[in-house]
């Protein structure tokens, strides 16, 4: 869903703005966000029969209208943990 379509739907624009302004101001919140939002899209699959690929299901994350906002939220949480808290974030990469 592109930017023009989400702006025409008020609830989508409101949710998008909420995700962009969600505060990441405590280590507990930042850790929870990093655990909930995966580093890579978990939906891409290759289905094989007898060792030969039959069908490939592409990653569906890009179809999510909030994909960019969710990834940005995860990045803000990682940045908070690294820069403000001085923690090692390698467990979330």
PDB file of N, CA and C in Angstrom:
ATOM      1  N   UNK A   1       0.860  -1.168   0.000  1.00  0.00           N
ATOM      2  CA  UNK A   1       0.000   0.000   0.000  1.00  0.00           C
ATOM      3  C   UNK A   1       0.904   1.228   0.000  1.00  0.00           C
ATOM      4  N   UNK A   2       0.662   2.138  -0.899  1.00  0.00           N
ATOM      5  CA  UNK A   2       1.543   3.285  -1.004  1.00  0.00           C
ATOM      6  C   UNK A   2       1.111   4.419  -0.092  1.00  0.00           C
ATOM      7  N   UNK A   3       1.936   5.465  -0.084  1.00  0.00           N
ATOM      8  CA  UNK A   3       1.740   6.587   0.817  1.00  0.00           C
ATOM      9  C   UNK A   3       0.413   7.297   0.563  1.00  0.00           C
ATOM     10  N   UNK A   4       0.023   7.454  -0.712  1.00  0.00           N
ATOM     11  CA  UNK A   4      -1.211   8.162  -1.030  1.00  0.00           C
ATOM     12  C   UNK A   4      -2.428   7.428  -0.485  1.00  0.00           C
ATOM     13  N   UNK A   5      -2.413   6.093  -0.577  1.00  0.00           N
ATOM     14  CA  UNK A   5      -3.554   5.314  -0.099  1.00  0.00           C
ATOM     15  C   UNK A   5      -3.683   5.388   1.410  1.00  0.00           C
ATOM     16  N   UNK A   6      -2.560   5.360   2.126  1.00  0.00           N
ATOM     17  CA  UNK A   6      -2.639   5.408   3.584  1.00  0.00           C
ATOM     18  C   UNK A   6      -3.063   6.780   4.068  1.00  0.00           C
ATOM     19  N   UNK A   7      -2.756   7.827   3.305  1.00  0.00           N
ATOM     20  CA  UNK A   7      -3.183   9.154   3.715  1.00  0.00           C
ATOM     21  C   UNK A   7      -4.672   9.348   3.494  1.00  0.00           C
ATOM     22  N   UNK A   8      -5.258   8.601   2.581  1.00  0.00           N
ATOM     23  CA  UNK A   8      -6.688   8.716   2.356  1.00  0.00           C
ATOM     24  C   UNK A   8      -7.503   7.988   3.426  1.00  0.00           C
ATOM     25  N   UNK A   9      -6.878   7.098   4.161  1.00  0.00           N
ATOM     26  CA  UNK A   9      -7.544   6.390   5.242  1.00  0.00           C
ATOM     27  C   UNK A   9      -7.075   6.984   6.571  1.00  0.00           C
ATOM     28  N   UNK A  10      -7.932   7.695   7.287  1.00  0.00           N
ATOM     29  CA  UNK A  10      -7.506   8.384   8.503  1.00  0.00           C
ATOM     30  C   UNK A  10      -6.947   7.443   9.578  1.00  0.00           C
ATOM     31  N   UNK A  11      -7.516   6.273   9.729  1.00  0.00           N
ATOM     32  CA  UNK A  11      -7.024   5.360  10.766  1.00  0.00           C
ATOM     33  C   UNK A  11      -5.607   4.888  10.447  1.00  0.00           C
ATOM     34  N   UNK A  12      -5.326   4.666   9.176  1.00  0.00           N
ATOM     35  CA  UNK A  12      -3.981   4.245   8.771  1.00  0.00           C
ATOM     36  C   UNK A  12      -2.972   5.363   9.037  1.00  0.00           C
ATOM     37  N   UNK A  13      -3.343   6.589   8.709  1.00  0.00           N
ATOM     38  CA  UNK A  13      -2.453   7.722   8.945  1.00  0.00           C
ATOM     39  C   UNK A  13      -2.224   7.922  10.437  1.00  0.00           C
ATOM     40  N   UNK A  14      -3.265   7.722  11.223  1.00  0.00           N
ATOM     41  CA  UNK A  14      -3.140   7.862  12.679  1.00  0.00           C
ATOM     42  C   UNK A  14      -2.213   6.796  13.253  1.00  0.00           C
ATOM     43  N   UNK A  15      -2.377   5.553  12.823  1.00  0.00           N
ATOM     44  CA  UNK A  15      -1.497   4.481  13.294  1.00  0.00           C
ATOM     45  C   UNK A  15      -0.053   4.699  12.853  1.00  0.00           C
ATOM     46  N   UNK A  16       0.115   5.159  11.632  1.00  0.00           N
ATOM     47  CA  UNK A  16       1.463   5.449  11.126  1.00  0.00           C
ATOM     48  C   UNK A  16       2.131   6.525  11.977  1.00  0.00           C
ATOM     49  N   UNK A  17       1.393   7.596  12.266  1.00  0.00           N
ATOM     50  CA  UNK A  17       1.936   8.684  13.088  1.00  0.00           C
ATOM     51  C   UNK A  17       2.229   8.198  14.504  1.00  0.00           C
ATOM     52  N   UNK A  18       1.377   7.351  15.050  1.00  0.00           N
ATOM     53  CA  UNK A  18       1.603   6.814  16.399  1.00  0.00           C
ATOM     54  C   UNK A  18       2.894   6.000  16.447  1.00  0.00           C
ATOM     55  N   UNK A  19       3.121   5.163  15.422  1.00  0.00           N
ATOM     56  CA  UNK A  19       4.348   4.372  15.380  1.00  0.00           C
ATOM     57  C   UNK A  19       5.585   5.264  15.264  1.00  0.00           C
ATOM     58  N   UNK A  20       5.466   6.338  14.513  1.00  0.00           N
ATOM     59  CA  UNK A  20       6.607   7.239  14.331  1.00  0.00           C
ATOM     60  C   UNK A  20       6.925   8.043  15.586  1.00  0.00           C
ATOM     61  N   UNK A  21       5.921   8.268  16.424  1.00  0.00           N
ATOM     62  CA  UNK A  21       6.137   9.088  17.623  1.00  0.00           C
ATOM     63  C   UNK A  21       6.180   8.265  18.915  1.00  0.00           C
ATOM     64  N   UNK A  22       6.073   6.965  18.815  1.00  0.00           N
ATOM     65  CA  UNK A  22       6.116   6.115  20.001  1.00  0.00           C
ATOM     66  C   UNK A  22       7.454   6.320  20.719  1.00  0.00           C
ATOM     67  N   UNK A  23       7.423   6.724  21.981  1.00  0.00           N
ATOM     68  CA  UNK A  23       8.686   7.004  22.669  1.00  0.00           C
ATOM     69  C   UNK A  23       9.434   5.722  23.045  1.00  0.00           C
ATOM     70  N   UNK A  24      10.716   5.759  22.831  1.00  0.00           N
ATOM     71  CA  UNK A  24      11.611   4.688  23.280  1.00  0.00           C
ATOM     72  C   UNK A  24      12.518   5.362  24.307  1.00  0.00           C
ATOM     73  N   UNK A  25      12.070   5.335  25.571  1.00  0.00           N
ATOM     74  CA  UNK A  25      12.782   6.099  26.582  1.00  0.00           C
ATOM     75  C   UNK A  25      13.179   5.292  27.814  1.00  0.00           C
ATOM     76  N   UNK A  26      12.937   3.993  27.784  1.00  0.00           N
ATOM     77  CA  UNK A  26      13.414   3.142  28.873  1.00  0.00           C
ATOM     78  C   UNK A  26      14.038   1.891  28.277  1.00  0.00           C
ATOM     79  N   UNK A  27      15.033   1.326  28.957  1.00  0.00           N
ATOM     80  CA  UNK A  27      15.649   0.095  28.457  1.00  0.00           C
ATOM     81  C   UNK A  27      14.655  -1.055  28.336  1.00  0.00           C
ATOM     82  N   UNK A  28      13.692  -1.141  29.234  1.00  0.00           N
ATOM     83  CA  UNK A  28      12.712  -2.234  29.186  1.00  0.00           C
ATOM     84  C   UNK A  28      11.878  -2.168  27.910  1.00  0.00           C
ATOM     85  N   UNK A  29      11.434  -0.976  27.542  1.00  0.00           N
ATOM     86  CA  UNK A  29      10.659  -0.808  26.313  1.00  0.00           C
ATOM     87  C   UNK A  29      11.511  -1.128  25.102  1.00  0.00           C
ATOM     88  N   UNK A  30      12.735  -0.645  25.093  1.00  0.00           N
ATOM     89  CA  UNK A  30      13.630  -0.887  23.957  1.00  0.00           C
ATOM     90  C   UNK A  30      13.912  -2.376  23.788  1.00  0.00           C
ATOM     91  N   UNK A  31      14.172  -3.084  24.881  1.00  0.00           N
ATOM     92  CA  UNK A  31      14.412  -4.530  24.801  1.00  0.00           C
ATOM     93  C   UNK A  31      13.166  -5.265  24.288  1.00  0.00           C
ATOM     94  N   UNK A  32      12.006  -4.871  24.768  1.00  0.00           N
ATOM     95  CA  UNK A  32      10.761  -5.515  24.338  1.00  0.00           C
ATOM     96  C   UNK A  32      10.533  -5.302  22.838  1.00  0.00           C
ATOM     97  N   UNK A  33      10.762  -4.097  22.350  1.00  0.00           N
ATOM     98  CA  UNK A  33      10.601  -3.812  20.923  1.00  0.00           C
ATOM     99  C   UNK A  33      11.567  -4.659  20.100  1.00  0.00           C
ATOM    100  N   UNK A  34      12.809  -4.752  20.536  1.00  0.00           N
ATOM    101  CA  UNK A  34      13.817  -5.522  19.793  1.00  0.00           C
ATOM    102  C   UNK A  34      13.503  -7.018  19.791  1.00  0.00           C
ATOM    103  N   UNK A  35      12.872  -7.513  20.846  1.00  0.00           N
ATOM    104  CA  UNK A  35      12.485  -8.930  20.877  1.00  0.00           C
ATOM    105  C   UNK A  35      11.266  -9.196  20.001  1.00  0.00           C
ATOM    106  N   UNK A  36      10.324  -8.268  19.970  1.00  0.00           N
ATOM    107  CA  UNK A  36       9.075  -8.473  19.231  1.00  0.00           C
ATOM    108  C   UNK A  36       9.228  -8.300  17.728  1.00  0.00           C
ATOM    109  N   UNK A  37      10.072  -7.374  17.308  1.00  0.00           N
ATOM    110  CA  UNK A  37      10.226  -7.086  15.878  1.00  0.00           C
ATOM    111  C   UNK A  37      11.476  -7.815  15.384  1.00  0.00           C
ATOM    112  N   UNK A  38      11.321  -8.774  14.502  1.00  0.00           N
ATOM    113  CA  UNK A  38      12.481  -9.539  14.031  1.00  0.00           C
ATOM    114  C   UNK A  38      13.391  -8.696  13.144  1.00  0.00           C
ATOM    115  N   UNK A  39      14.664  -9.086  13.098  1.00  0.00           N
ATOM    116  CA  UNK A  39      15.642  -8.373  12.276  1.00  0.00           C
ATOM    117  C   UNK A  39      15.411  -8.622  10.792  1.00  0.00           C
ATOM    118  N   UNK A  40      14.877  -9.772  10.456  1.00  0.00           N
ATOM    119  CA  UNK A  40      14.616 -10.117   9.062  1.00  0.00           C
ATOM    120  C   UNK A  40      13.175 -10.570   8.929  1.00  0.00           C
ATOM    121  N   UNK A  41      12.672 -10.455   7.732  1.00  0.00           N
ATOM    122  CA  UNK A  41      11.303 -10.880   7.469  1.00  0.00           C
ATOM    123  C   UNK A  41      11.214 -12.399   7.613  1.00  0.00           C
ATOM    124  N   UNK A  42      10.383 -12.900   8.503  1.00  0.00           N
ATOM    125  CA  UNK A  42      10.328 -14.344   8.753  1.00  0.00           C
ATOM    126  C   UNK A  42       9.425 -15.120   7.803  1.00  0.00           C
ATOM    127  N   UNK A  43       8.863 -14.488   6.795  1.00  0.00           N
ATOM    128  CA  UNK A  43       7.840 -15.157   6.010  1.00  0.00           C
ATOM    129  C   UNK A  43       8.322 -15.777   4.704  1.00  0.00           C
ATOM    130  N   UNK A  44       9.513 -15.445   4.249  1.00  0.00           N
ATOM    131  CA  UNK A  44       9.994 -16.012   2.986  1.00  0.00           C
ATOM    132  C   UNK A  44      10.245 -17.510   3.180  1.00  0.00           C
ATOM    133  N   UNK A  45       9.704 -18.310   2.295  1.00  0.00           N
ATOM    134  CA  UNK A  45       9.833 -19.762   2.402  1.00  0.00           C
ATOM    135  C   UNK A  45      10.070 -20.368   1.034  1.00  0.00           C
ATOM    136  N   UNK A  46      10.803 -21.440   1.003  1.00  0.00           N
ATOM    137  CA  UNK A  46      10.970 -22.227  -0.212  1.00  0.00           C
ATOM    138  C   UNK A  46      10.466 -23.629   0.099  1.00  0.00           C
ATOM    139  N   UNK A  47       9.479 -24.060  -0.635  1.00  0.00           N
ATOM    140  CA  UNK A  47       8.886 -25.378  -0.414  1.00  0.00           C
ATOM    141  C   UNK A  47       9.498 -26.333  -1.429  1.00  0.00           C
ATOM    142  N   UNK A  48      10.050 -27.425  -0.927  1.00  0.00           N
ATOM    143  CA  UNK A  48      10.724 -28.393  -1.791  1.00  0.00           C
ATOM    144  C   UNK A  48      10.104 -29.769  -1.637  1.00  0.00           C
ATOM    145  N   UNK A  49      10.127 -30.525  -2.721  1.00  0.00           N
ATOM    146  CA  UNK A  49       9.736 -31.930  -2.719  1.00  0.00           C
ATOM    147  C   UNK A  49      10.888 -32.731  -3.304  1.00  0.00           C
ATOM    148  N   UNK A  50      11.346 -33.707  -2.575  1.00  0.00           N
ATOM    149  CA  UNK A  50      12.446 -34.556  -2.976  1.00  0.00           C
ATOM    150  C   UNK A  50      13.687 -33.759  -3.373  1.00  0.00           C
ATOM    151  N   UNK A  51      13.934 -32.686  -2.615  1.00  0.00           N
ATOM    152  CA  UNK A  51      15.124 -31.892  -2.845  1.00  0.00           C
ATOM    153  C   UNK A  51      15.033 -30.864  -3.958  1.00  0.00           C
ATOM    154  N   UNK A  52      13.895 -30.774  -4.620  1.00  0.00           N
ATOM    155  CA  UNK A  52      13.732 -29.802  -5.709  1.00  0.00           C
ATOM    156  C   UNK A  52      12.718 -28.732  -5.278  1.00  0.00           C
ATOM    157  N   UNK A  53      13.066 -27.461  -5.488  1.00  0.00           N
ATOM    158  CA  UNK A  53      12.118 -26.399  -5.118  1.00  0.00           C
ATOM    159  C   UNK A  53      10.870 -26.446  -5.983  1.00  0.00           C
ATOM    160  N   UNK A  54       9.727 -26.450  -5.316  1.00  0.00           N
ATOM    161  CA  UNK A  54       8.441 -26.503  -6.006  1.00  0.00           C
ATOM    162  C   UNK A  54       7.850 -25.098  -6.102  1.00  0.00           C
ATOM    163  N   UNK A  55       7.896 -24.378  -5.008  1.00  0.00           N
ATOM    164  CA  UNK A  55       7.329 -23.039  -4.966  1.00  0.00           C
ATOM    165  C   UNK A  55       8.150 -22.199  -3.997  1.00  0.00           C
ATOM    166  N   UNK A  56       8.256 -20.933  -4.311  1.00  0.00           N
ATOM    167  CA  UNK A  56       8.930 -19.987  -3.436  1.00  0.00           C
ATOM    168  C   UNK A  56       7.930 -18.916  -3.037  1.00  0.00           C
ATOM    169  N   UNK A  57       7.753 -18.753  -1.748  1.00  0.00           N
ATOM    170  CA  UNK A  57       6.856 -17.725  -1.223  1.00  0.00           C
ATOM    171  C   UNK A  57       7.734 -16.522  -0.879  1.00  0.00           C
ATOM    172  N   UNK A  58       7.499 -15.382  -1.521  1.00  0.00           N
ATOM    173  CA  UNK A  58       8.354 -14.213  -1.272  1.00  0.00           C
ATOM    174  C   UNK A  58       8.093 -13.630   0.116  1.00  0.00           C
ATOM    175  N   UNK A  59       9.027 -12.828   0.621  1.00  0.00           N
ATOM    176  CA  UNK A  59       8.785 -12.175   1.907  1.00  0.00           C
ATOM    177  C   UNK A  59       7.599 -11.224   1.793  1.00  0.00           C
ATOM    178  N   UNK A  60       6.671 -11.377   2.704  1.00  0.00           N
ATOM    179  CA  UNK A  60       5.450 -10.582   2.648  1.00  0.00           C
ATOM    180  C   UNK A  60       5.532  -9.305   3.477  1.00  0.00           C
ATOM    181  N   UNK A  61       6.661  -9.076   4.119  1.00  0.00           N
ATOM    182  CA  UNK A  61       6.788  -7.892   4.967  1.00  0.00           C
ATOM    183  C   UNK A  61       6.613  -6.602   4.183  1.00  0.00           C
ATOM    184  N   UNK A  62       7.091  -6.581   2.964  1.00  0.00           N
ATOM    185  CA  UNK A  62       6.986  -5.362   2.157  1.00  0.00           C
ATOM    186  C   UNK A  62       5.542  -5.021   1.826  1.00  0.00           C
ATOM    187  N   UNK A  63       4.633  -5.983   1.942  1.00  0.00           N
ATOM    188  CA  UNK A  63       3.220  -5.720   1.693  1.00  0.00           C
ATOM    189  C   UNK A  63       2.532  -5.085   2.894  1.00  0.00           C
ATOM    190  N   UNK A  64       3.182  -5.140   4.050  1.00  0.00           N
ATOM    191  CA  UNK A  64       2.635  -4.540   5.254  1.00  0.00           C
ATOM    192  C   UNK A  64       2.686  -3.018   5.111  1.00  0.00           C
ATOM    193  N   UNK A  65       1.552  -2.326   5.248  1.00  0.00           N
ATOM    194  CA  UNK A  65       1.560  -0.867   5.066  1.00  0.00           C
ATOM    195  C   UNK A  65       2.362  -0.131   6.136  1.00  0.00           C
ATOM    196  N   UNK A  66       2.667  -0.793   7.233  1.00  0.00           N
ATOM    197  CA  UNK A  66       3.426  -0.164   8.312  1.00  0.00           C
ATOM    198  C   UNK A  66       4.858  -0.689   8.397  1.00  0.00           C
ATOM    199  N   UNK A  67       5.328  -1.367   7.371  1.00  0.00           N
ATOM    200  CA  UNK A  67       6.644  -1.997   7.387  1.00  0.00           C
ATOM    201  C   UNK A  67       7.751  -0.996   7.714  1.00  0.00           C
ATOM    202  N   UNK A  68       7.779   0.121   7.024  1.00  0.00           N
ATOM    203  CA  UNK A  68       8.844   1.099   7.231  1.00  0.00           C
ATOM    204  C   UNK A  68       8.801   1.686   8.641  1.00  0.00           C
ATOM    205  N   UNK A  69       7.627   1.957   9.142  1.00  0.00           N
ATOM    206  CA  UNK A  69       7.504   2.526  10.486  1.00  0.00           C
ATOM    207  C   UNK A  69       7.934   1.522  11.560  1.00  0.00           C
ATOM    208  N   UNK A  70       7.602   0.255  11.355  1.00  0.00           N
ATOM    209  CA  UNK A  70       7.970  -0.779  12.323  1.00  0.00           C
ATOM    210  C   UNK A  70       9.485  -0.985  12.338  1.00  0.00           C
ATOM    211  N   UNK A  71      10.094  -1.018  11.158  1.00  0.00           N
ATOM    212  CA  UNK A  71      11.548  -1.170  11.085  1.00  0.00           C
ATOM    213  C   UNK A  71      12.237   0.048  11.690  1.00  0.00           C
ATOM    214  N   UNK A  72      11.700   1.237  11.452  1.00  0.00           N
ATOM    215  CA  UNK A  72      12.262   2.446  12.045  1.00  0.00           C
ATOM    216  C   UNK A  72      12.141   2.410  13.569  1.00  0.00           C
ATOM    217  N   UNK A  73      11.032   1.903  14.081  1.00  0.00           N
ATOM    218  CA  UNK A  73      10.858   1.779  15.531  1.00  0.00           C
ATOM    219  C   UNK A  73      11.895   0.832  16.116  1.00  0.00           C
ATOM    220  N   UNK A  74      12.142  -0.285  15.452  1.00  0.00           N
ATOM    221  CA  UNK A  74      13.167  -1.222  15.919  1.00  0.00           C
ATOM    222  C   UNK A  74      14.546  -0.573  15.888  1.00  0.00           C
ATOM    223  N   UNK A  75      14.832   0.181  14.837  1.00  0.00           N
ATOM    224  CA  UNK A  75      16.118   0.872  14.732  1.00  0.00           C
ATOM    225  C   UNK A  75      16.276   1.901  15.850  1.00  0.00           C
ATOM    226  N   UNK A  76      15.205   2.638  16.162  1.00  0.00           N
ATOM    227  CA  UNK A  76      15.272   3.609  17.261  1.00  0.00           C
ATOM    228  C   UNK A  76      15.532   2.918  18.591  1.00  0.00           C
ATOM    229  N   UNK A  77      14.920   1.746  18.791  1.00  0.00           N
ATOM    230  CA  UNK A  77      15.145   0.994  20.029  1.00  0.00           C
ATOM    231  C   UNK A  77      16.591   0.507  20.112  1.00  0.00           C
ATOM    232  N   UNK A  78      17.115   0.003  19.006  1.00  0.00           N
ATOM    233  CA  UNK A  78      18.511  -0.447  18.996  1.00  0.00           C
ATOM    234  C   UNK A  78      19.465   0.721  19.238  1.00  0.00           C
ATOM    235  N   UNK A  79      19.175   1.850  18.626  1.00  0.00           N
ATOM    236  CA  UNK A  79      20.016   3.029  18.816  1.00  0.00           C
ATOM    237  C   UNK A  79      19.968   3.501  20.265  1.00  0.00           C
ATOM    238  N   UNK A  80      18.801   3.469  20.869  1.00  0.00           N
ATOM    239  CA  UNK A  80      18.665   3.860  22.274  1.00  0.00           C
ATOM    240  C   UNK A  80      19.501   2.949  23.170  1.00  0.00           C
ATOM    241  N   UNK A  81      19.385   1.650  22.954  1.00  0.00           N
ATOM    242  CA  UNK A  81      20.149   0.712  23.780  1.00  0.00           C
ATOM    243  C   UNK A  81      21.652   0.897  23.600  1.00  0.00           C
ATOM    244  N   UNK A  82      22.071   1.124  22.378  1.00  0.00           N
ATOM    245  CA  UNK A  82      23.495   1.252  22.092  1.00  0.00           C
ATOM    246  C   UNK A  82      24.060   2.595  22.547  1.00  0.00           C
ATOM    247  N   UNK A  83      23.434   3.690  22.122  1.00  0.00           N
ATOM    248  CA  UNK A  83      23.993   5.016  22.371  1.00  0.00           C
ATOM    249  C   UNK A  83      23.704   5.556  23.764  1.00  0.00           C
ATOM    250  N   UNK A  84      22.473   5.412  24.223  1.00  0.00           N
ATOM    251  CA  UNK A  84      22.099   5.987  25.512  1.00  0.00           C
ATOM    252  C   UNK A  84      22.461   5.060  26.664  1.00  0.00           C
ATOM    253  N   UNK A  85      22.129   3.769  26.523  1.00  0.00           N
ATOM    254  CA  UNK A  85      22.369   2.820  27.617  1.00  0.00           C
ATOM    255  C   UNK A  85      23.763   2.201  27.558  1.00  0.00           C
ATOM    256  N   UNK A  86      24.427   2.288  26.419  1.00  0.00           N
ATOM    257  CA  UNK A  86      25.759   1.703  26.285  1.00  0.00           C
ATOM    258  C   UNK A  86      25.764   0.187  26.298  1.00  0.00           C
ATOM    259  N   UNK A  87      24.673  -0.436  25.887  1.00  0.00           N
ATOM    260  CA  UNK A  87      24.564  -1.892  25.906  1.00  0.00           C
ATOM    261  C   UNK A  87      25.033  -2.503  24.595  1.00  0.00           C
ATOM    262  N   UNK A  88      25.407  -3.754  24.656  1.00  0.00           N
ATOM    263  CA  UNK A  88      25.788  -4.523  23.480  1.00  0.00           C
ATOM    264  C   UNK A  88      24.514  -5.026  22.809  1.00  0.00           C
ATOM    265  N   UNK A  89      24.307  -4.659  21.549  1.00  0.00           N
ATOM    266  CA  UNK A  89      23.071  -5.024  20.857  1.00  0.00           C
ATOM    267  C   UNK A  89      23.270  -6.187  19.895  1.00  0.00           C
ATOM    268  N   UNK A  90      24.393  -6.863  19.973  1.00  0.00           N
ATOM    269  CA  UNK A  90      24.672  -7.954  19.035  1.00  0.00           C
ATOM    270  C   UNK A  90      23.674  -9.109  19.160  1.00  0.00           C
ATOM    271  N   UNK A  91      23.017  -9.252  20.288  1.00  0.00           N
ATOM    272  CA  UNK A  91      22.025 -10.323  20.436  1.00  0.00           C
ATOM    273  C   UNK A  91      20.781 -10.072  19.589  1.00  0.00           C
ATOM    274  N   UNK A  92      20.561  -8.850  19.156  1.00  0.00           N
ATOM    275  CA  UNK A  92      19.375  -8.507  18.366  1.00  0.00           C
ATOM    276  C   UNK A  92      19.655  -8.371  16.878  1.00  0.00           C
ATOM    277  N   UNK A  93      20.884  -8.531  16.471  1.00  0.00           N
ATOM    278  CA  UNK A  93      21.233  -8.350  15.050  1.00  0.00           C
ATOM    279  C   UNK A  93      21.100  -9.645  14.301  1.00  0.00           C
TER     280      UNK A  93
END
